Amino acid sequence: MQGPVRGGPRGGGDAVLLLGSNLGRRVRNLRDAVERLSAETDVLAISRLYAGEPHGRVHQPWFLNQAVRIAARHSPGELLLLAKRLEQSAGRRGSGRWGPRPLDVDIVLYGEAVVSLPHLDIPHPAMSGRRFCLLPVAEVAPDAVVPPGGRTVSQLLESCNDTLEVIAL
């Protein structure tokens, strides 16, 4: 996969993934995904679990979310393929936008890079408005700078107006 990548990973080249699950054994789905990630990447930090109201489609189970900071040894395209493999191995099949799923893996940050590939934009375009994303990401990378505005994850969390309930477990 090729596409524009502006800026590069900084400070060791960390990437941050957000894992989510609202079908099946949610805790087990997330735990298994972290184990599979650690077999293919260097896991640097893992947030605690957060339960959150679903965004988009309200009539579905709450999501459990967890952020994982890894050493970005894969290109963004390779990391996307890894994310898709993790989702498929957890049993994800097309559930539609914002639908229920056993595992969702989003690449929210890749150093300070801005990445634009088919089916992949980094930083995640909606992260600054979603508390369920910012809370766990702030645990593993509070001072990460989010392009293009240059605000940190902690600063984005402080100014987030999302009213959906999110609970740390």
N, C-alpha and C. Protein backbone atom coordinates (compact mmCIF):
# COMPACT_ATOMS: atom_id res chain seq x y z
N MET A 1 0.85 -1.17 0.00
CA MET A 1 0.00 0.00 0.00
C MET A 1 0.89 1.23 0.00
N GLN A 2 0.67 2.07 -0.92
CA GLN A 2 1.44 3.30 -0.99
C GLN A 2 0.48 4.46 -0.89
N GLY A 3 0.95 5.57 -0.44
CA GLY A 3 0.14 6.77 -0.33
C GLY A 3 0.94 7.83 0.39
N PRO A 4 0.37 9.02 0.45
CA PRO A 4 1.08 10.11 1.10
C PRO A 4 1.26 9.87 2.59
N VAL A 5 2.47 10.07 3.05
CA VAL A 5 2.78 10.06 4.48
C VAL A 5 3.62 11.31 4.72
N ARG A 6 3.07 12.27 5.46
CA ARG A 6 3.79 13.52 5.74
C ARG A 6 4.25 13.48 7.20
N GLY A 7 5.45 13.95 7.40
CA GLY A 7 6.01 13.91 8.75
C GLY A 7 6.39 12.47 9.02
N GLY A 8 7.08 12.22 10.04
CA GLY A 8 7.45 10.84 10.31
C GLY A 8 7.25 10.53 11.76
N PRO A 9 7.30 9.27 12.11
CA PRO A 9 7.20 8.96 13.52
C PRO A 9 8.34 9.64 14.26
N ARG A 10 8.04 10.18 15.42
CA ARG A 10 9.02 10.91 16.20
C ARG A 10 9.15 10.25 17.56
N GLY A 11 10.24 10.41 18.19
CA GLY A 11 10.40 9.92 19.54
C GLY A 11 10.35 8.41 19.61
N GLY A 12 11.06 7.71 18.74
CA GLY A 12 11.09 6.26 18.76
C GLY A 12 10.10 5.64 17.81
N GLY A 13 9.27 6.43 17.17
CA GLY A 13 8.36 5.88 16.19
C GLY A 13 7.22 5.08 16.78
N ASP A 14 6.53 5.63 17.77
CA ASP A 14 5.41 4.92 18.36
C ASP A 14 4.15 5.11 17.54
N ALA A 15 3.31 4.08 17.55
CA ALA A 15 1.97 4.16 16.98
C ALA A 15 1.00 3.81 18.10
N VAL A 16 -0.21 4.33 18.00
CA VAL A 16 -1.24 4.02 19.00
C VAL A 16 -2.44 3.44 18.29
N LEU A 17 -2.87 2.29 18.80
CA LEU A 17 -4.05 1.61 18.28
C LEU A 17 -5.15 1.68 19.32
N LEU A 18 -6.38 1.78 18.88
CA LEU A 18 -7.52 1.69 19.78
C LEU A 18 -8.26 0.41 19.45
N LEU A 19 -8.39 -0.46 20.45
CA LEU A 19 -9.11 -1.71 20.32
C LEU A 19 -10.49 -1.53 20.91
N GLY A 20 -11.49 -2.12 20.27
CA GLY A 20 -12.84 -2.06 20.79
C GLY A 20 -13.56 -3.37 20.55
N SER A 21 -14.50 -3.70 21.45
CA SER A 21 -15.29 -4.92 21.32
C SER A 21 -16.63 -4.72 22.00
N ASN A 22 -17.72 -5.13 21.31
CA ASN A 22 -19.02 -5.12 21.97
C ASN A 22 -19.85 -6.36 21.64
N LEU A 23 -19.19 -7.39 21.14
CA LEU A 23 -19.86 -8.67 20.88
C LEU A 23 -19.05 -9.81 21.48
N GLY A 24 -19.74 -10.81 21.97
CA GLY A 24 -19.06 -11.99 22.48
C GLY A 24 -18.38 -11.72 23.81
N ARG A 25 -17.28 -12.42 24.01
CA ARG A 25 -16.50 -12.27 25.25
C ARG A 25 -15.58 -11.07 25.08
N ARG A 26 -16.09 -9.91 25.40
CA ARG A 26 -15.41 -8.65 25.08
C ARG A 26 -14.02 -8.55 25.71
N VAL A 27 -13.91 -8.87 26.99
CA VAL A 27 -12.60 -8.79 27.64
C VAL A 27 -11.64 -9.77 26.99
N ARG A 28 -12.08 -10.99 26.73
CA ARG A 28 -11.24 -12.00 26.09
C ARG A 28 -10.85 -11.55 24.69
N ASN A 29 -11.77 -10.95 23.94
CA ASN A 29 -11.45 -10.46 22.59
C ASN A 29 -10.31 -9.44 22.63
N LEU A 30 -10.37 -8.52 23.60
CA LEU A 30 -9.32 -7.50 23.70
C LEU A 30 -8.02 -8.12 24.18
N ARG A 31 -8.09 -9.00 25.16
CA ARG A 31 -6.89 -9.65 25.69
C ARG A 31 -6.19 -10.46 24.58
N ASP A 32 -6.98 -11.21 23.81
CA ASP A 32 -6.40 -11.99 22.71
C ASP A 32 -5.75 -11.09 21.67
N ALA A 33 -6.38 -9.96 21.37
CA ALA A 33 -5.81 -9.04 20.38
C ALA A 33 -4.48 -8.47 20.87
N VAL A 34 -4.38 -8.14 22.16
CA VAL A 34 -3.12 -7.63 22.70
C VAL A 34 -2.05 -8.72 22.64
N GLU A 35 -2.41 -9.96 22.94
CA GLU A 35 -1.44 -11.06 22.85
C GLU A 35 -0.94 -11.24 21.42
N ARG A 36 -1.85 -11.18 20.45
CA ARG A 36 -1.44 -11.32 19.04
C ARG A 36 -0.59 -10.14 18.60
N LEU A 37 -0.94 -8.94 19.08
CA LEU A 37 -0.12 -7.77 18.76
C LEU A 37 1.29 -7.93 19.30
N SER A 38 1.40 -8.43 20.55
CA SER A 38 2.74 -8.57 21.14
C SER A 38 3.57 -9.62 20.44
N ALA A 39 2.95 -10.53 19.71
CA ALA A 39 3.70 -11.51 18.94
C ALA A 39 4.27 -10.90 17.66
N GLU A 40 3.68 -9.79 17.19
CA GLU A 40 4.10 -9.20 15.92
C GLU A 40 4.70 -7.81 16.04
N THR A 41 4.60 -7.20 17.22
CA THR A 41 5.11 -5.85 17.43
C THR A 41 5.70 -5.76 18.83
N ASP A 42 6.34 -4.65 19.11
CA ASP A 42 6.80 -4.38 20.47
C ASP A 42 5.74 -3.52 21.16
N VAL A 43 5.00 -4.13 22.09
CA VAL A 43 3.98 -3.40 22.84
C VAL A 43 4.68 -2.61 23.94
N LEU A 44 4.46 -1.30 23.95
CA LEU A 44 5.13 -0.40 24.89
C LEU A 44 4.25 0.00 26.07
N ALA A 45 2.94 0.08 25.85
CA ALA A 45 2.02 0.46 26.92
C ALA A 45 0.61 0.01 26.55
N ILE A 46 -0.16 -0.32 27.59
CA ILE A 46 -1.54 -0.75 27.41
C ILE A 46 -2.39 0.00 28.43
N SER A 47 -3.48 0.59 27.99
CA SER A 47 -4.37 1.29 28.92
C SER A 47 -5.24 0.29 29.65
N ARG A 48 -5.90 0.78 30.69
CA ARG A 48 -6.93 -0.06 31.31
C ARG A 48 -8.13 -0.10 30.38
N LEU A 49 -9.12 -0.87 30.72
CA LEU A 49 -10.33 -0.99 29.91
C LEU A 49 -11.30 0.14 30.24
N TYR A 50 -12.04 0.56 29.23
CA TYR A 50 -13.08 1.57 29.37
C TYR A 50 -14.36 1.02 28.75
N ALA A 51 -15.47 1.19 29.45
CA ALA A 51 -16.77 0.85 28.89
C ALA A 51 -17.42 2.14 28.43
N GLY A 52 -17.97 2.10 27.21
CA GLY A 52 -18.56 3.32 26.68
C GLY A 52 -19.82 3.07 25.88
N GLU A 53 -20.69 4.06 25.93
CA GLU A 53 -21.90 4.02 25.12
C GLU A 53 -21.50 3.94 23.65
N PRO A 54 -22.24 3.18 22.87
CA PRO A 54 -21.90 3.09 21.44
C PRO A 54 -22.16 4.41 20.72
N HIS A 55 -21.28 4.74 19.81
CA HIS A 55 -21.38 5.94 18.99
C HIS A 55 -22.09 5.55 17.69
N GLY A 56 -22.98 6.38 17.22
CA GLY A 56 -23.62 6.12 15.93
C GLY A 56 -24.90 5.32 16.04
N ARG A 57 -24.79 4.05 16.31
CA ARG A 57 -25.96 3.19 16.49
C ARG A 57 -26.15 2.94 17.99
N VAL A 58 -27.24 3.43 18.54
CA VAL A 58 -27.40 3.37 19.99
C VAL A 58 -27.95 2.04 20.50
N HIS A 59 -28.68 1.32 19.72
CA HIS A 59 -29.32 0.08 20.18
C HIS A 59 -28.41 -1.12 19.96
N GLN A 60 -27.34 -1.16 20.72
CA GLN A 60 -26.38 -2.25 20.69
C GLN A 60 -25.63 -2.25 22.02
N PRO A 61 -24.94 -3.34 22.34
CA PRO A 61 -24.21 -3.37 23.61
C PRO A 61 -23.11 -2.30 23.68
N TRP A 62 -22.80 -1.88 24.90
CA TRP A 62 -21.71 -0.94 25.11
C TRP A 62 -20.40 -1.56 24.66
N PHE A 63 -19.49 -0.72 24.25
CA PHE A 63 -18.15 -1.17 23.84
C PHE A 63 -17.22 -1.19 25.03
N LEU A 64 -16.28 -2.11 25.00
CA LEU A 64 -15.09 -2.03 25.84
C LEU A 64 -13.99 -1.54 24.92
N ASN A 65 -13.23 -0.56 25.36
CA ASN A 65 -12.12 -0.02 24.57
C ASN A 65 -10.84 -0.05 25.37
N GLN A 66 -9.73 -0.14 24.63
CA GLN A 66 -8.41 -0.17 25.23
C GLN A 66 -7.42 0.36 24.20
N ALA A 67 -6.50 1.20 24.65
CA ALA A 67 -5.46 1.74 23.76
C ALA A 67 -4.17 0.96 23.98
N VAL A 68 -3.43 0.77 22.89
CA VAL A 68 -2.15 0.07 22.93
C VAL A 68 -1.15 0.91 22.16
N ARG A 69 -0.04 1.25 22.83
CA ARG A 69 1.06 1.97 22.16
C ARG A 69 2.11 0.95 21.79
N ILE A 70 2.51 0.98 20.53
CA ILE A 70 3.49 0.02 20.01
C ILE A 70 4.63 0.77 19.33
N ALA A 71 5.77 0.08 19.18
CA ALA A 71 6.86 0.61 18.36
C ALA A 71 6.43 0.43 16.91
N ALA A 72 6.43 1.50 16.16
CA ALA A 72 5.93 1.46 14.78
C ALA A 72 7.00 0.91 13.85
N ARG A 73 7.16 -0.38 13.86
CA ARG A 73 8.14 -1.03 12.98
C ARG A 73 7.52 -1.39 11.64
N HIS A 74 6.21 -1.34 11.55
CA HIS A 74 5.49 -1.59 10.30
C HIS A 74 5.18 -0.25 9.64
N SER A 75 5.07 -0.25 8.33
CA SER A 75 4.59 0.95 7.64
C SER A 75 3.10 1.11 7.99
N PRO A 76 2.52 2.28 7.75
CA PRO A 76 1.09 2.43 8.03
C PRO A 76 0.24 1.40 7.28
N GLY A 77 0.57 1.13 6.03
CA GLY A 77 -0.18 0.14 5.26
C GLY A 77 -0.06 -1.26 5.84
N GLU A 78 1.14 -1.62 6.27
CA GLU A 78 1.35 -2.93 6.89
C GLU A 78 0.61 -3.02 8.22
N LEU A 79 0.60 -1.92 8.97
CA LEU A 79 -0.11 -1.90 10.24
C LEU A 79 -1.62 -2.05 10.02
N LEU A 80 -2.13 -1.44 8.95
CA LEU A 80 -3.55 -1.61 8.60
C LEU A 80 -3.86 -3.07 8.30
N LEU A 81 -2.99 -3.72 7.54
CA LEU A 81 -3.20 -5.15 7.23
C LEU A 81 -3.17 -5.99 8.50
N LEU A 82 -2.27 -5.68 9.42
CA LEU A 82 -2.22 -6.38 10.70
C LEU A 82 -3.52 -6.16 11.48
N ALA A 83 -4.01 -4.94 11.50
CA ALA A 83 -5.27 -4.63 12.20
C ALA A 83 -6.41 -5.44 11.62
N LYS A 84 -6.49 -5.53 10.30
CA LYS A 84 -7.55 -6.29 9.64
C LYS A 84 -7.43 -7.79 9.95
N ARG A 85 -6.20 -8.30 10.00
CA ARG A 85 -6.01 -9.72 10.37
C ARG A 85 -6.48 -9.98 11.79
N LEU A 86 -6.17 -9.07 12.71
CA LEU A 86 -6.62 -9.22 14.09
C LEU A 86 -8.15 -9.24 14.17
N GLU A 87 -8.79 -8.33 13.45
CA GLU A 87 -10.25 -8.27 13.44
C GLU A 87 -10.85 -9.56 12.89
N GLN A 88 -10.31 -10.04 11.78
CA GLN A 88 -10.83 -11.27 11.17
C GLN A 88 -10.62 -12.48 12.06
N SER A 89 -9.47 -12.56 12.71
CA SER A 89 -9.20 -13.72 13.56
C SER A 89 -10.11 -13.71 14.79
N ALA A 90 -10.64 -12.55 15.16
CA ALA A 90 -11.58 -12.46 16.28
C ALA A 90 -13.01 -12.75 15.83
N GLY A 91 -13.18 -12.97 14.53
CA GLY A 91 -14.50 -13.30 14.01
C GLY A 91 -15.28 -12.14 13.42
N ARG A 92 -14.61 -11.04 13.16
CA ARG A 92 -15.33 -9.90 12.60
C ARG A 92 -15.67 -10.16 11.14
N ARG A 93 -16.90 -9.92 10.84
CA ARG A 93 -17.39 -9.94 9.47
C ARG A 93 -18.08 -8.60 9.25
N GLY A 94 -18.26 -8.18 8.05
CA GLY A 94 -18.84 -6.86 7.79
C GLY A 94 -20.06 -6.58 8.64
N SER A 95 -19.95 -5.63 9.56
CA SER A 95 -21.07 -5.30 10.44
C SER A 95 -21.64 -3.92 10.13
N GLY A 96 -21.16 -3.31 9.07
CA GLY A 96 -21.63 -1.98 8.72
C GLY A 96 -21.02 -0.92 9.61
N ARG A 97 -21.18 0.31 9.21
CA ARG A 97 -20.61 1.43 9.94
C ARG A 97 -21.22 1.51 11.34
N TRP A 98 -20.37 1.57 12.34
CA TRP A 98 -20.73 1.73 13.74
C TRP A 98 -21.53 0.55 14.28
N GLY A 99 -21.54 -0.57 13.57
CA GLY A 99 -22.30 -1.72 14.03
C GLY A 99 -21.57 -2.52 15.09
N PRO A 100 -22.27 -3.49 15.70
CA PRO A 100 -21.64 -4.33 16.71
C PRO A 100 -20.57 -5.22 16.09
N ARG A 101 -19.52 -5.50 16.87
CA ARG A 101 -18.43 -6.33 16.35
C ARG A 101 -17.63 -6.92 17.51
N PRO A 102 -17.06 -8.11 17.26
CA PRO A 102 -16.24 -8.72 18.31
C PRO A 102 -14.92 -7.98 18.51
N LEU A 103 -14.39 -7.37 17.44
CA LEU A 103 -13.15 -6.63 17.56
C LEU A 103 -13.07 -5.56 16.48
N ASP A 104 -12.69 -4.37 16.92
CA ASP A 104 -12.42 -3.27 16.01
C ASP A 104 -11.04 -2.75 16.37
N VAL A 105 -10.19 -2.56 15.38
CA VAL A 105 -8.84 -2.05 15.62
C VAL A 105 -8.65 -0.82 14.74
N ASP A 106 -8.47 0.33 15.39
CA ASP A 106 -8.22 1.58 14.68
C ASP A 106 -6.81 2.05 14.97
N ILE A 107 -6.12 2.51 13.94
CA ILE A 107 -4.81 3.14 14.10
C ILE A 107 -5.10 4.62 14.30
N VAL A 108 -4.91 5.11 15.52
CA VAL A 108 -5.26 6.50 15.79
C VAL A 108 -4.09 7.45 15.63
N LEU A 109 -2.88 6.98 15.92
CA LEU A 109 -1.68 7.81 15.76
C LEU A 109 -0.53 6.97 15.22
N TYR A 110 0.33 7.61 14.45
CA TYR A 110 1.55 6.98 13.94
C TYR A 110 2.65 8.03 14.06
N GLY A 111 3.21 8.11 15.26
CA GLY A 111 4.15 9.20 15.53
C GLY A 111 3.44 10.52 15.31
N GLU A 112 4.09 11.45 14.66
CA GLU A 112 3.46 12.72 14.30
C GLU A 112 3.12 12.76 12.83
N ALA A 113 3.09 11.59 12.20
CA ALA A 113 2.82 11.52 10.76
C ALA A 113 1.35 11.78 10.46
N VAL A 114 1.12 12.36 9.29
CA VAL A 114 -0.20 12.46 8.71
C VAL A 114 -0.21 11.49 7.54
N VAL A 115 -1.09 10.52 7.60
CA VAL A 115 -1.12 9.45 6.61
C VAL A 115 -2.46 9.48 5.89
N SER A 116 -2.41 9.39 4.56
CA SER A 116 -3.62 9.33 3.76
C SER A 116 -3.48 8.21 2.75
N LEU A 117 -4.13 7.09 3.05
CA LEU A 117 -4.14 5.91 2.18
C LEU A 117 -5.59 5.52 1.94
N PRO A 118 -5.86 4.72 0.91
CA PRO A 118 -7.23 4.22 0.78
C PRO A 118 -7.62 3.47 2.06
N HIS A 119 -8.75 3.83 2.63
CA HIS A 119 -9.29 3.19 3.83
C HIS A 119 -8.47 3.46 5.09
N LEU A 120 -7.57 4.44 5.08
CA LEU A 120 -6.78 4.73 6.26
C LEU A 120 -6.36 6.19 6.29
N ASP A 121 -6.78 6.88 7.34
CA ASP A 121 -6.34 8.24 7.60
C ASP A 121 -5.81 8.28 9.02
N ILE A 122 -4.58 8.78 9.16
CA ILE A 122 -3.96 8.92 10.47
C ILE A 122 -3.46 10.36 10.57
N PRO A 123 -3.73 11.05 11.69
CA PRO A 123 -4.45 10.58 12.85
C PRO A 123 -5.91 10.27 12.50
N HIS A 124 -6.53 9.42 13.32
CA HIS A 124 -7.92 9.05 13.07
C HIS A 124 -8.75 10.34 13.02
N PRO A 125 -9.49 10.56 11.94
CA PRO A 125 -10.16 11.84 11.75
C PRO A 125 -11.19 12.20 12.83
N ALA A 126 -11.74 11.23 13.53
CA ALA A 126 -12.79 11.53 14.51
C ALA A 126 -12.30 11.49 15.95
N MET A 127 -11.03 11.18 16.17
CA MET A 127 -10.56 10.95 17.54
C MET A 127 -10.76 12.15 18.47
N SER A 128 -10.59 13.37 17.98
CA SER A 128 -10.64 14.53 18.87
C SER A 128 -12.04 14.78 19.42
N GLY A 129 -13.05 14.18 18.83
CA GLY A 129 -14.42 14.37 19.31
C GLY A 129 -15.00 13.16 20.01
N ARG A 130 -14.17 12.19 20.33
CA ARG A 130 -14.68 10.95 20.93
C ARG A 130 -13.95 10.64 22.24
N ARG A 131 -14.68 10.80 23.32
CA ARG A 131 -14.12 10.56 24.65
C ARG A 131 -13.70 9.10 24.81
N PHE A 132 -14.46 8.15 24.22
CA PHE A 132 -14.11 6.73 24.34
C PHE A 132 -12.76 6.42 23.71
N CYS A 133 -12.31 7.26 22.80
CA CYS A 133 -10.99 7.11 22.18
C CYS A 133 -9.94 7.87 22.99
N LEU A 134 -10.22 9.11 23.33
CA LEU A 134 -9.22 9.96 23.98
C LEU A 134 -8.84 9.49 25.38
N LEU A 135 -9.79 8.99 26.16
CA LEU A 135 -9.47 8.56 27.53
C LEU A 135 -8.41 7.45 27.53
N PRO A 136 -8.60 6.33 26.82
CA PRO A 136 -7.55 5.31 26.85
C PRO A 136 -6.26 5.76 26.16
N VAL A 137 -6.36 6.53 25.08
CA VAL A 137 -5.15 7.00 24.40
C VAL A 137 -4.36 7.93 25.32
N ALA A 138 -5.05 8.74 26.11
CA ALA A 138 -4.36 9.64 27.04
C ALA A 138 -3.59 8.87 28.11
N GLU A 139 -4.00 7.65 28.39
CA GLU A 139 -3.25 6.83 29.36
C GLU A 139 -1.91 6.37 28.80
N VAL A 140 -1.87 6.05 27.52
CA VAL A 140 -0.64 5.48 26.94
C VAL A 140 0.21 6.50 26.21
N ALA A 141 -0.36 7.64 25.85
CA ALA A 141 0.39 8.66 25.10
C ALA A 141 -0.17 10.05 25.36
N PRO A 142 -0.18 10.51 26.62
CA PRO A 142 -0.81 11.80 26.93
C PRO A 142 -0.17 12.99 26.24
N ASP A 143 1.13 12.92 26.02
CA ASP A 143 1.85 14.05 25.43
C ASP A 143 2.08 13.91 23.93
N ALA A 144 1.47 12.89 23.33
CA ALA A 144 1.62 12.71 21.88
C ALA A 144 0.97 13.90 21.18
N VAL A 145 1.68 14.45 20.21
CA VAL A 145 1.19 15.58 19.45
C VAL A 145 0.34 15.04 18.30
N VAL A 146 -0.86 15.61 18.18
CA VAL A 146 -1.80 15.17 17.15
C VAL A 146 -1.81 16.21 16.04
N PRO A 147 -1.28 15.82 14.86
CA PRO A 147 -1.30 16.76 13.75
C PRO A 147 -2.73 16.87 13.19
N PRO A 148 -3.06 17.89 12.48
CA PRO A 148 -2.21 18.99 12.06
C PRO A 148 -2.17 20.14 13.06
N GLY A 149 -3.02 20.18 14.07
CA GLY A 149 -3.10 21.33 14.97
C GLY A 149 -2.01 21.42 16.00
N GLY A 150 -1.29 20.32 16.24
CA GLY A 150 -0.19 20.34 17.18
C GLY A 150 -0.60 20.28 18.64
N ARG A 151 -1.87 19.96 18.91
CA ARG A 151 -2.30 19.82 20.30
C ARG A 151 -2.00 18.40 20.76
N THR A 152 -1.79 18.25 22.05
CA THR A 152 -1.51 16.91 22.60
C THR A 152 -2.82 16.18 22.83
N VAL A 153 -2.71 14.87 23.03
CA VAL A 153 -3.88 14.05 23.33
C VAL A 153 -4.56 14.58 24.60
N SER A 154 -3.77 14.92 25.62
CA SER A 154 -4.34 15.46 26.86
C SER A 154 -5.11 16.76 26.61
N GLN A 155 -4.58 17.62 25.78
CA GLN A 155 -5.27 18.87 25.46
C GLN A 155 -6.57 18.61 24.71
N LEU A 156 -6.55 17.64 23.79
CA LEU A 156 -7.78 17.30 23.06
C LEU A 156 -8.83 16.74 24.03
N LEU A 157 -8.40 15.93 24.98
CA LEU A 157 -9.32 15.37 25.96
C LEU A 157 -9.95 16.48 26.81
N GLU A 158 -9.15 17.44 27.23
CA GLU A 158 -9.66 18.55 28.05
C GLU A 158 -10.73 19.35 27.32
N SER A 159 -10.62 19.47 26.01
CA SER A 159 -11.57 20.29 25.25
C SER A 159 -12.65 19.45 24.55
N CYS A 160 -12.69 18.15 24.80
CA CYS A 160 -13.66 17.27 24.13
C CYS A 160 -15.07 17.53 24.66
N ASN A 161 -16.01 17.72 23.76
CA ASN A 161 -17.40 18.00 24.12
C ASN A 161 -18.31 16.78 24.01
N ASP A 162 -17.75 15.62 23.80
CA ASP A 162 -18.54 14.38 23.66
C ASP A 162 -19.31 14.13 24.95
N THR A 163 -20.60 13.89 24.84
CA THR A 163 -21.44 13.68 26.02
C THR A 163 -21.76 12.21 26.27
N LEU A 164 -21.28 11.30 25.43
CA LEU A 164 -21.53 9.89 25.65
C LEU A 164 -20.78 9.42 26.90
N GLU A 165 -21.41 8.55 27.66
CA GLU A 165 -20.81 8.08 28.91
C GLU A 165 -19.67 7.10 28.66
N VAL A 166 -18.57 7.29 29.36
CA VAL A 166 -17.41 6.41 29.30
C VAL A 166 -16.95 6.19 30.74
N ILE A 167 -16.76 4.92 31.09
CA ILE A 167 -16.41 4.57 32.47
C ILE A 167 -15.12 3.75 32.47
N ALA A 168 -14.15 4.17 33.27
CA ALA A 168 -12.92 3.38 33.43
C ALA A 168 -13.24 2.17 34.29
N LEU A 169 -12.73 1.01 33.88
CA LEU A 169 -12.98 -0.21 34.65
C LEU A 169 -11.77 -0.58 35.48
